[in-house]
Amino acid sequence: MSIPPPHGPPQEPQGPQGRRPASQGQAPYPPPRSARGAASGFAPYGLYGPYGPRPPALVNGVAVAALVFGVLCLVPAVGLVLGLVALWQIKRRGERGRGMAIAGTVLSSLGLALWGAALASGVLADAWEGLKEGMRGNGVLVLAEGECFDSPGGLEGWTADADRVPCGREHDGEVFAVVTLPDGRYPGDDSLTDTADERCHDLQDAYVMDPWALPGHVQVYYLVPSRESWRFGDREITCVFGDRDPRQTLTGSLRRDETTLDAHQLAYLEAERVLGAVLDETPGSGFPEDDLPGHRQWAAKVADALAEEVRMLRGHEWPAGAERPVGDLAADLEEARGEWAKAAGAADADTYIEHADAGWGVTDPYISVTARHALGLAAAPPEYDGEAGRDTDGGGMKV
């Protein structure tokens, strides 16, 4: 077997009687280590010299990070990955910290299990609901139908909070609907935008039943969940009215529904809506010469809608001040119904155009101004900003 050399400087072979043989040109005894170090220009060996004890191994930094993430449990997947990486590095490099790496791995695994159980049991969704309730008092952007608010960042881009204000004061937006989305994976930005645009525009007429009361400079905006808020159970699209120019504000509530209108106003608007729904279905071809059958079919629908509106107007008991104006309006609509009925039976395009033009003349919006004024409704036909009617392209915000 071999015997390791003793600690300290290397021993030179000794001659007889234990004395070292002297070499040519060398001193019989080497100078002290301190002298050798000074003579050679190098510092003498310290505590961890080549023949002293080895220095302690370094602590693996990844193991420390794994333990921290494991204790916090905020992102357990990161702690688990760091713990596995640390164990591999410790084994390969001979570093210390194996216990911390194992602890971080175990804690992160437990954290992942807890997160999975929370998702499966709906705990996070309940926590989101509780968080929203708590945020209501702090002005965070969790808004309900009918509320008005100011947004520090305006109505475009990203936002996280809002200041609720009375609708009678100047405000950036007014919530007119809240749409709840089904659970599942995050739909993506484009899908959420398409859904919000469709649903919000469909719901605006339920909040503002009188289209004359909606100013032309008002536009639909919507707040949609972000990918981050979706993870915590956010499933709401908030539909908002705001000024077309995001830098401008609104004043006063735009709400015109059963909560703000009386029975007579509601009866009139419901009758008016019958005709409005059909007029929105104008044939795709703008010229009867190109599609006379399609235009005749549509004219028949207009005549039927006018007949139904006349029936509803004459079947309601109006207040004394509105009875005569509404009666006159019903008579005009009955005349228009006759013209549209003739257009529906026209044998050629010229005959159709003749009766359709006469029908349009009688159904002009201005014939209802007197009746509307008597009922206390908006009496000025809407004037829309833009080149061709009200802009239906909404704007969106992420929350």
Protein backbone atom coordinates (compact mmCIF):
# COMPACT_ATOMS: atom_id res chain seq x y z
CA MET A 1 0.00 0.00 0.00
CA SER A 2 1.04 3.61 -0.37
CA ILE A 3 1.53 6.03 2.47
CA PRO A 4 0.40 9.61 1.85
CA PRO A 5 2.98 12.30 2.36
CA PRO A 6 2.85 14.23 5.63
CA HIS A 7 1.36 17.68 5.82
CA GLY A 8 3.64 20.56 5.21
CA PRO A 9 6.36 21.18 2.63
CA PRO A 10 7.59 18.25 0.53
CA GLN A 11 10.33 16.20 2.19
CA GLU A 12 13.52 15.65 0.30
CA PRO A 13 15.19 12.23 0.44
CA GLN A 14 17.68 11.88 3.24
CA GLY A 15 21.12 10.36 3.14
CA PRO A 16 22.85 8.28 5.72
CA GLN A 17 22.17 9.12 9.32
CA GLY A 18 19.07 11.03 8.32
CA ARG A 19 20.91 13.89 6.60
CA ARG A 20 19.85 15.17 3.20
CA PRO A 21 22.48 14.90 0.48
CA ALA A 22 23.74 18.23 -0.63
CA SER A 23 23.44 19.03 -4.32
CA GLN A 24 25.94 20.96 -6.31
CA GLY A 25 25.36 24.66 -5.85
CA GLN A 26 22.57 24.26 -3.30
CA ALA A 27 22.42 24.81 0.40
CA PRO A 28 22.26 21.60 2.45
CA TYR A 29 18.94 22.76 3.97
CA PRO A 30 16.14 24.61 2.18
CA PRO A 31 15.21 28.01 3.46
CA PRO A 32 12.07 28.34 5.54
CA ARG A 33 8.79 28.51 3.65
CA SER A 34 8.44 32.16 4.42
CA ALA A 35 11.83 32.80 2.98
CA ARG A 36 11.06 30.74 -0.13
CA GLY A 37 7.86 32.60 -0.69
CA ALA A 38 9.54 35.93 -0.30
CA ALA A 39 12.43 34.93 -2.52
CA SER A 40 10.25 33.62 -5.32
CA GLY A 41 7.88 36.59 -5.36
CA PHE A 42 4.79 34.57 -4.33
CA ALA A 43 2.94 34.81 -1.07
CA PRO A 44 3.48 31.89 1.30
CA TYR A 45 0.85 29.15 1.39
CA GLY A 46 -2.10 30.05 3.56
CA LEU A 47 -4.64 27.95 5.39
CA TYR A 48 -5.82 26.27 2.17
CA GLY A 49 -2.45 25.62 0.58
CA PRO A 50 -1.81 22.60 -1.60
CA TYR A 51 -1.07 20.49 1.47
CA GLY A 52 -3.63 22.08 3.82
CA PRO A 53 -7.35 21.24 4.27
CA ARG A 54 -9.65 21.81 1.24
CA PRO A 55 -11.98 24.89 1.28
CA PRO A 56 -15.71 24.19 1.91
CA ALA A 57 -17.87 23.69 -1.22
CA LEU A 58 -19.99 26.60 -2.43
CA VAL A 59 -23.73 26.71 -1.84
CA ASN A 60 -25.74 26.27 -5.06
CA GLY A 61 -27.62 29.50 -5.80
CA VAL A 62 -30.38 27.76 -7.75
CA ALA A 63 -31.16 25.67 -4.65
CA VAL A 64 -31.65 28.85 -2.63
CA ALA A 65 -34.03 30.23 -5.28
CA ALA A 66 -35.95 26.93 -5.37
CA LEU A 67 -36.47 27.07 -1.62
CA VAL A 68 -37.69 30.68 -1.77
CA PHE A 69 -40.23 29.92 -4.53
CA GLY A 70 -41.31 26.80 -2.70
CA VAL A 71 -42.02 28.72 0.49
CA LEU A 72 -43.90 31.51 -1.31
CA CYS A 73 -46.05 29.08 -3.37
CA LEU A 74 -46.99 31.94 -5.74
CA VAL A 75 -45.55 30.28 -8.82
CA PRO A 76 -45.00 26.68 -7.70
CA ALA A 77 -44.11 25.46 -11.19
CA VAL A 78 -41.04 27.73 -11.16
CA GLY A 79 -39.95 26.42 -7.75
CA LEU A 80 -40.29 22.82 -8.91
CA VAL A 81 -38.20 23.39 -12.03
CA LEU A 82 -35.52 25.27 -10.08
CA GLY A 83 -35.35 22.49 -7.49
CA LEU A 84 -34.75 19.81 -10.11
CA VAL A 85 -32.11 21.93 -11.84
CA ALA A 86 -30.38 22.57 -8.52
CA LEU A 87 -30.20 18.84 -7.68
CA TRP A 88 -28.61 18.13 -11.05
CA GLN A 89 -26.07 20.93 -10.64
CA ILE A 90 -25.18 19.89 -7.07
CA LYS A 91 -24.52 16.32 -8.15
CA ARG A 92 -22.41 17.44 -11.09
CA ARG A 93 -20.42 20.18 -9.33
CA GLY A 94 -20.20 18.83 -5.82
CA GLU A 95 -21.82 21.93 -4.36
CA ARG A 96 -23.79 22.24 -1.15
CA GLY A 97 -27.53 22.96 -0.85
CA ARG A 98 -29.06 19.58 -1.60
CA GLY A 99 -31.41 19.88 1.37
CA MET A 100 -32.68 23.29 0.22
CA ALA A 101 -33.21 21.98 -3.31
CA ILE A 102 -35.19 18.99 -2.02
CA ALA A 103 -37.26 21.22 0.29
CA GLY A 104 -38.02 23.65 -2.54
CA THR A 105 -39.05 20.77 -4.82
CA VAL A 106 -41.36 19.24 -2.22
CA LEU A 107 -42.99 22.56 -1.28
CA SER A 108 -43.48 23.50 -4.93
CA SER A 109 -45.06 20.11 -5.64
CA LEU A 110 -47.47 20.66 -2.75
CA GLY A 111 -48.21 24.14 -4.08
CA LEU A 112 -49.04 22.76 -7.52
CA ALA A 113 -51.36 20.20 -5.95
CA LEU A 114 -53.15 22.90 -3.96
CA TRP A 115 -53.56 25.13 -7.03
CA GLY A 116 -55.00 22.22 -8.99
CA ALA A 117 -57.45 21.41 -6.20
CA ALA A 118 -58.48 25.07 -6.00
CA LEU A 119 -59.17 25.23 -9.71
CA ALA A 120 -61.14 21.98 -9.66
CA SER A 121 -63.29 23.04 -6.70
CA GLY A 122 -63.99 26.58 -7.94
CA VAL A 123 -62.24 28.22 -5.00
CA LEU A 124 -60.47 30.70 -7.27
CA ALA A 125 -63.75 31.68 -8.91
CA ASP A 126 -65.26 32.31 -5.47
CA ALA A 127 -62.18 34.28 -4.52
CA TRP A 128 -62.57 36.40 -7.65
CA GLU A 129 -66.18 37.16 -6.78
CA GLY A 130 -65.14 38.15 -3.28
CA LEU A 131 -62.33 40.26 -4.67
CA LYS A 132 -64.73 42.08 -6.98
CA GLU A 133 -67.08 42.82 -4.09
CA GLY A 134 -64.16 44.15 -2.10
CA MET A 135 -62.97 46.27 -5.01
CA ARG A 136 -66.35 47.91 -5.48
CA GLY A 137 -65.77 50.19 -2.54
CA ASN A 138 -62.28 51.09 -3.71
CA GLY A 139 -63.17 52.33 -7.18
CA VAL A 140 -61.60 49.42 -9.04
CA LEU A 141 -63.17 48.74 -12.39
CA VAL A 142 -65.96 46.33 -11.47
CA LEU A 143 -69.00 48.22 -12.68
CA ALA A 144 -72.74 47.49 -12.78
CA GLU A 145 -75.43 48.45 -15.26
CA GLY A 146 -76.51 52.06 -14.90
CA GLU A 147 -73.30 53.28 -13.23
CA CYS A 148 -71.28 56.19 -14.57
CA PHE A 149 -67.53 56.52 -14.09
CA ASP A 150 -64.33 58.33 -14.93
CA SER A 151 -61.35 56.32 -16.14
CA PRO A 152 -57.89 57.81 -15.54
CA GLY A 153 -56.65 56.23 -18.77
CA GLY A 154 -59.69 57.09 -20.86
CA LEU A 155 -61.88 54.58 -22.68
CA GLU A 156 -59.23 53.00 -24.87
CA GLY A 157 -56.30 50.70 -24.12
CA TRP A 158 -55.72 49.06 -20.73
CA THR A 159 -57.31 50.10 -17.48
CA ALA A 160 -57.44 48.75 -13.94
CA ASP A 161 -59.59 51.18 -12.01
CA ALA A 162 -62.35 53.74 -12.27
CA ASP A 163 -63.90 56.47 -10.18
CA ARG A 164 -67.67 56.16 -9.88
CA VAL A 165 -69.44 59.48 -10.25
CA PRO A 166 -73.11 60.51 -10.38
CA CYS A 167 -74.42 60.35 -13.93
CA GLY A 168 -75.60 63.95 -13.58
CA ARG A 169 -71.96 65.06 -13.49
CA GLU A 170 -69.48 64.93 -16.34
CA HIS A 171 -68.19 61.39 -16.84
CA ASP A 172 -66.23 59.29 -19.31
CA GLY A 173 -68.61 56.36 -19.60
CA GLU A 174 -71.98 54.89 -18.63
CA VAL A 175 -72.46 51.13 -18.27
CA PHE A 176 -75.55 49.91 -20.13
CA ALA A 177 -75.07 46.12 -19.99
CA VAL A 178 -72.90 43.38 -18.46
CA VAL A 179 -72.47 40.12 -20.39
CA THR A 180 -71.34 36.97 -18.56
CA LEU A 181 -69.22 34.57 -20.61
CA PRO A 182 -69.13 30.78 -20.14
CA ASP A 183 -66.23 29.09 -18.39
CA GLY A 184 -63.44 27.48 -20.37
CA ARG A 185 -60.12 28.39 -21.86
CA TYR A 186 -59.27 32.02 -22.57
CA PRO A 187 -60.98 32.76 -25.91
CA GLY A 188 -58.27 35.10 -27.15
CA ASP A 189 -58.28 38.83 -27.82
CA ASP A 190 -59.89 38.68 -31.26
CA SER A 191 -62.70 36.37 -30.18
CA LEU A 192 -63.49 38.49 -27.12
CA THR A 193 -63.55 41.66 -29.21
CA ASP A 194 -65.92 40.12 -31.76
CA THR A 195 -68.24 38.84 -29.03
CA ALA A 196 -68.23 42.17 -27.22
CA ASP A 197 -68.93 44.12 -30.39
CA GLU A 198 -71.90 41.92 -31.31
CA ARG A 199 -73.47 41.54 -27.87
CA CYS A 200 -73.06 45.16 -26.78
CA HIS A 201 -74.66 46.56 -29.92
CA ASP A 202 -77.54 44.11 -29.58
CA LEU A 203 -78.18 45.20 -25.99
CA GLN A 204 -78.00 48.97 -26.38
CA ASP A 205 -81.63 49.25 -27.56
CA ALA A 206 -82.87 47.62 -24.35
CA TYR A 207 -81.13 50.34 -22.30
CA VAL A 208 -82.01 53.21 -24.64
CA MET A 209 -85.43 52.24 -26.00
CA ASP A 210 -85.85 55.64 -27.62
CA PRO A 211 -83.25 55.92 -30.40
CA TRP A 212 -83.97 59.64 -30.68
CA ALA A 213 -82.61 60.09 -27.16
CA LEU A 214 -79.16 58.74 -28.06
CA PRO A 215 -76.92 61.58 -29.30
CA GLY A 216 -75.06 61.02 -32.53
CA HIS A 217 -71.69 61.68 -30.88
CA VAL A 218 -72.14 58.72 -28.52
CA GLN A 219 -70.35 55.47 -29.30
CA VAL A 220 -70.33 51.98 -27.82
CA TYR A 221 -67.22 50.88 -25.91
CA TYR A 222 -66.63 47.64 -24.03
CA LEU A 223 -64.37 46.32 -21.28
CA VAL A 224 -63.20 42.74 -21.82
CA PRO A 225 -61.22 40.39 -19.56
CA SER A 226 -57.47 40.21 -19.97
CA ARG A 227 -55.62 36.90 -20.01
CA GLU A 228 -54.48 37.55 -16.44
CA SER A 229 -57.93 38.38 -15.02
CA TRP A 230 -59.44 35.38 -16.85
CA ARG A 231 -57.25 33.06 -14.77
CA PHE A 232 -58.91 34.38 -11.63
CA GLY A 233 -62.45 33.85 -12.88
CA ASP A 234 -63.20 37.13 -14.70
CA ARG A 235 -65.93 36.29 -17.22
CA GLU A 236 -67.63 39.66 -17.75
CA ILE A 237 -67.86 41.96 -20.74
CA THR A 238 -68.93 45.45 -19.68
CA CYS A 239 -70.76 47.47 -22.34
CA VAL A 240 -70.27 51.23 -22.06
CA PHE A 241 -71.55 54.38 -23.73
CA GLY A 242 -68.91 57.06 -24.26
CA ASP A 243 -68.21 60.00 -26.49
CA ARG A 244 -66.90 59.24 -29.97
CA ASP A 245 -63.91 61.40 -29.07
CA PRO A 246 -62.35 59.61 -26.04
CA ARG A 247 -61.10 62.98 -24.76
CA GLN A 248 -64.66 64.30 -24.41
CA THR A 249 -67.10 63.53 -21.60
CA LEU A 250 -70.83 62.93 -21.24
CA THR A 251 -73.29 64.66 -18.93
CA GLY A 252 -76.54 63.11 -17.74
CA SER A 253 -77.76 59.53 -17.96
CA LEU A 254 -78.67 58.07 -21.34
CA ARG A 255 -80.94 55.43 -19.82
CA ARG A 256 -84.40 55.27 -21.40
CA ASP A 257 -86.13 52.06 -20.32
CA GLU A 258 -88.86 50.89 -17.96
CA THR A 259 -86.94 52.35 -15.01
CA THR A 260 -87.09 55.90 -16.36
CA LEU A 261 -90.11 55.97 -18.72
CA ASP A 262 -93.81 56.02 -17.85
CA ALA A 263 -96.41 53.59 -19.20
CA HIS A 264 -97.52 55.85 -22.07
CA GLN A 265 -93.99 56.48 -23.25
CA LEU A 266 -93.25 52.75 -23.16
CA ALA A 267 -96.41 51.96 -25.12
CA TYR A 268 -95.51 54.46 -27.83
CA LEU A 269 -91.90 53.26 -28.15
CA GLU A 270 -92.95 49.61 -28.31
CA ALA A 271 -95.33 50.43 -31.18
CA GLU A 272 -92.67 52.46 -32.98
CA ARG A 273 -90.14 49.64 -32.60
CA VAL A 274 -92.30 47.29 -34.70
CA LEU A 275 -91.80 49.42 -37.81
CA GLY A 276 -88.17 50.21 -37.00
CA ALA A 277 -87.21 46.53 -36.93
CA VAL A 278 -88.54 46.02 -40.48
CA LEU A 279 -86.99 49.21 -41.86
CA ASP A 280 -83.60 47.93 -40.71
CA GLU A 281 -84.02 44.97 -43.07
CA THR A 282 -83.77 46.98 -46.27
CA PRO A 283 -82.99 44.71 -49.26
CA GLY A 284 -79.32 44.37 -50.05
CA SER A 285 -79.85 45.57 -53.60
CA GLY A 286 -80.60 49.28 -53.51
CA PHE A 287 -82.41 49.30 -56.89
CA PRO A 288 -85.76 47.62 -57.51
CA GLU A 289 -84.75 47.09 -61.14
CA ASP A 290 -82.08 44.64 -59.96
CA ASP A 291 -84.30 42.65 -57.58
CA LEU A 292 -87.98 43.53 -57.90
CA PRO A 293 -89.23 40.32 -56.17
CA GLY A 294 -87.01 41.01 -53.14
CA HIS A 295 -88.18 44.60 -52.87
CA ARG A 296 -91.83 43.63 -53.24
CA GLN A 297 -91.45 41.06 -50.46
CA TRP A 298 -89.87 43.65 -48.20
CA ALA A 299 -92.60 46.20 -49.00
CA ALA A 300 -95.19 43.67 -47.86
CA LYS A 301 -93.38 43.38 -44.51
CA VAL A 302 -93.37 47.16 -44.16
CA ALA A 303 -97.12 47.28 -44.82
CA ASP A 304 -97.74 44.60 -42.17
CA ALA A 305 -95.54 46.42 -39.64
CA LEU A 306 -97.40 49.68 -40.25
CA ALA A 307 -100.73 47.90 -39.74
CA GLU A 308 -99.47 46.48 -36.42
CA GLU A 309 -98.16 49.86 -35.26
CA VAL A 310 -101.49 51.53 -36.07
CA ARG A 311 -103.32 48.81 -34.13
CA MET A 312 -101.08 49.33 -31.06
CA LEU A 313 -101.41 53.12 -31.17
CA ARG A 314 -105.19 53.04 -31.46
CA GLY A 315 -105.53 50.35 -28.83
CA HIS A 316 -103.88 52.34 -26.02
CA GLU A 317 -105.61 54.95 -23.84
CA TRP A 318 -103.44 58.03 -24.12
CA PRO A 319 -103.45 60.99 -21.75
CA ALA A 320 -105.62 63.93 -22.75
CA GLY A 321 -102.77 66.03 -24.08
CA ALA A 322 -101.44 63.24 -26.32
CA GLU A 323 -104.65 61.61 -27.55
CA ARG A 324 -105.15 63.83 -30.60
CA PRO A 325 -101.49 63.97 -31.78
CA VAL A 326 -101.19 60.19 -31.50
CA GLY A 327 -104.50 59.77 -33.37
CA ASP A 328 -103.27 61.99 -36.20
CA LEU A 329 -100.07 59.99 -36.37
CA ALA A 330 -102.00 56.73 -36.60
CA ALA A 331 -104.01 58.14 -39.53
CA ASP A 332 -100.83 59.10 -41.38
CA LEU A 333 -99.33 55.65 -40.79
CA GLU A 334 -102.51 54.04 -42.13
CA GLU A 335 -102.15 56.05 -45.33
CA ALA A 336 -98.51 54.97 -45.59
CA ARG A 337 -99.57 51.34 -45.12
CA GLY A 338 -101.76 51.60 -48.20
CA GLU A 339 -98.90 52.91 -50.33
CA TRP A 340 -96.54 50.14 -49.22
CA ALA A 341 -99.22 47.54 -49.89
CA LYS A 342 -99.50 48.85 -53.45
CA ALA A 343 -95.72 48.73 -53.81
CA ALA A 344 -95.78 45.11 -52.71
CA GLY A 345 -98.16 44.29 -55.57
CA ALA A 346 -96.45 46.40 -58.25
CA ALA A 347 -96.07 44.73 -61.63
CA ASP A 348 -92.91 46.60 -62.60
CA ALA A 349 -90.07 48.58 -61.06
CA ASP A 350 -91.49 51.98 -62.04
CA THR A 351 -94.81 51.28 -60.31
CA TYR A 352 -92.96 49.99 -57.26
CA ILE A 353 -90.83 53.13 -57.03
CA GLU A 354 -93.90 55.37 -57.37
CA HIS A 355 -95.75 53.83 -54.43
CA ALA A 356 -92.60 53.27 -52.31
CA ASP A 357 -91.67 56.95 -52.62
CA ALA A 358 -95.19 57.92 -51.53
CA GLY A 359 -94.93 55.52 -48.59
CA TRP A 360 -91.57 56.94 -47.54
CA GLY A 361 -93.00 60.44 -47.65
CA VAL A 362 -95.77 59.59 -45.21
CA THR A 363 -93.50 57.63 -42.85
CA ASP A 364 -91.01 60.49 -42.57
CA PRO A 365 -89.80 60.74 -38.96
CA TYR A 366 -90.99 64.33 -38.66
CA ILE A 367 -94.66 63.25 -38.70
CA SER A 368 -94.16 61.83 -35.19
CA VAL A 369 -92.61 64.99 -33.67
CA THR A 370 -95.94 66.34 -32.37
CA ALA A 371 -96.93 63.07 -30.76
CA ARG A 372 -93.50 62.64 -29.19
CA HIS A 373 -93.55 66.15 -27.79
CA ALA A 374 -96.97 65.53 -26.24
CA LEU A 375 -95.67 62.36 -24.55
CA GLY A 376 -92.52 64.02 -23.20
CA LEU A 377 -90.15 62.05 -25.44
CA ALA A 378 -87.23 63.36 -27.46
CA ALA A 379 -88.80 65.45 -30.23
CA ALA A 380 -85.76 66.09 -32.45
CA PRO A 381 -84.80 63.39 -34.95
CA PRO A 382 -81.27 62.14 -34.24
CA GLU A 383 -78.41 63.70 -36.15
CA TYR A 384 -75.54 61.27 -36.38
CA ASP A 385 -71.91 62.26 -36.61
CA GLY A 386 -69.89 60.80 -39.45
CA GLU A 387 -70.50 60.42 -43.14
CA ALA A 388 -73.27 57.80 -43.10
CA GLY A 389 -75.23 57.43 -39.90
CA ARG A 390 -74.16 56.38 -36.49
CA ASP A 391 -70.83 54.59 -36.30
CA THR A 392 -71.33 51.08 -34.94
CA ASP A 393 -67.66 50.29 -34.52
CA GLY A 394 -66.98 50.17 -30.82
CA GLY A 395 -63.81 50.58 -28.86
CA GLY A 396 -62.49 48.20 -26.26
CA MET A 397 -60.47 48.15 -23.07
CA LYS A 398 -58.66 45.33 -21.29
CA VAL A 399 -59.03 44.90 -17.57
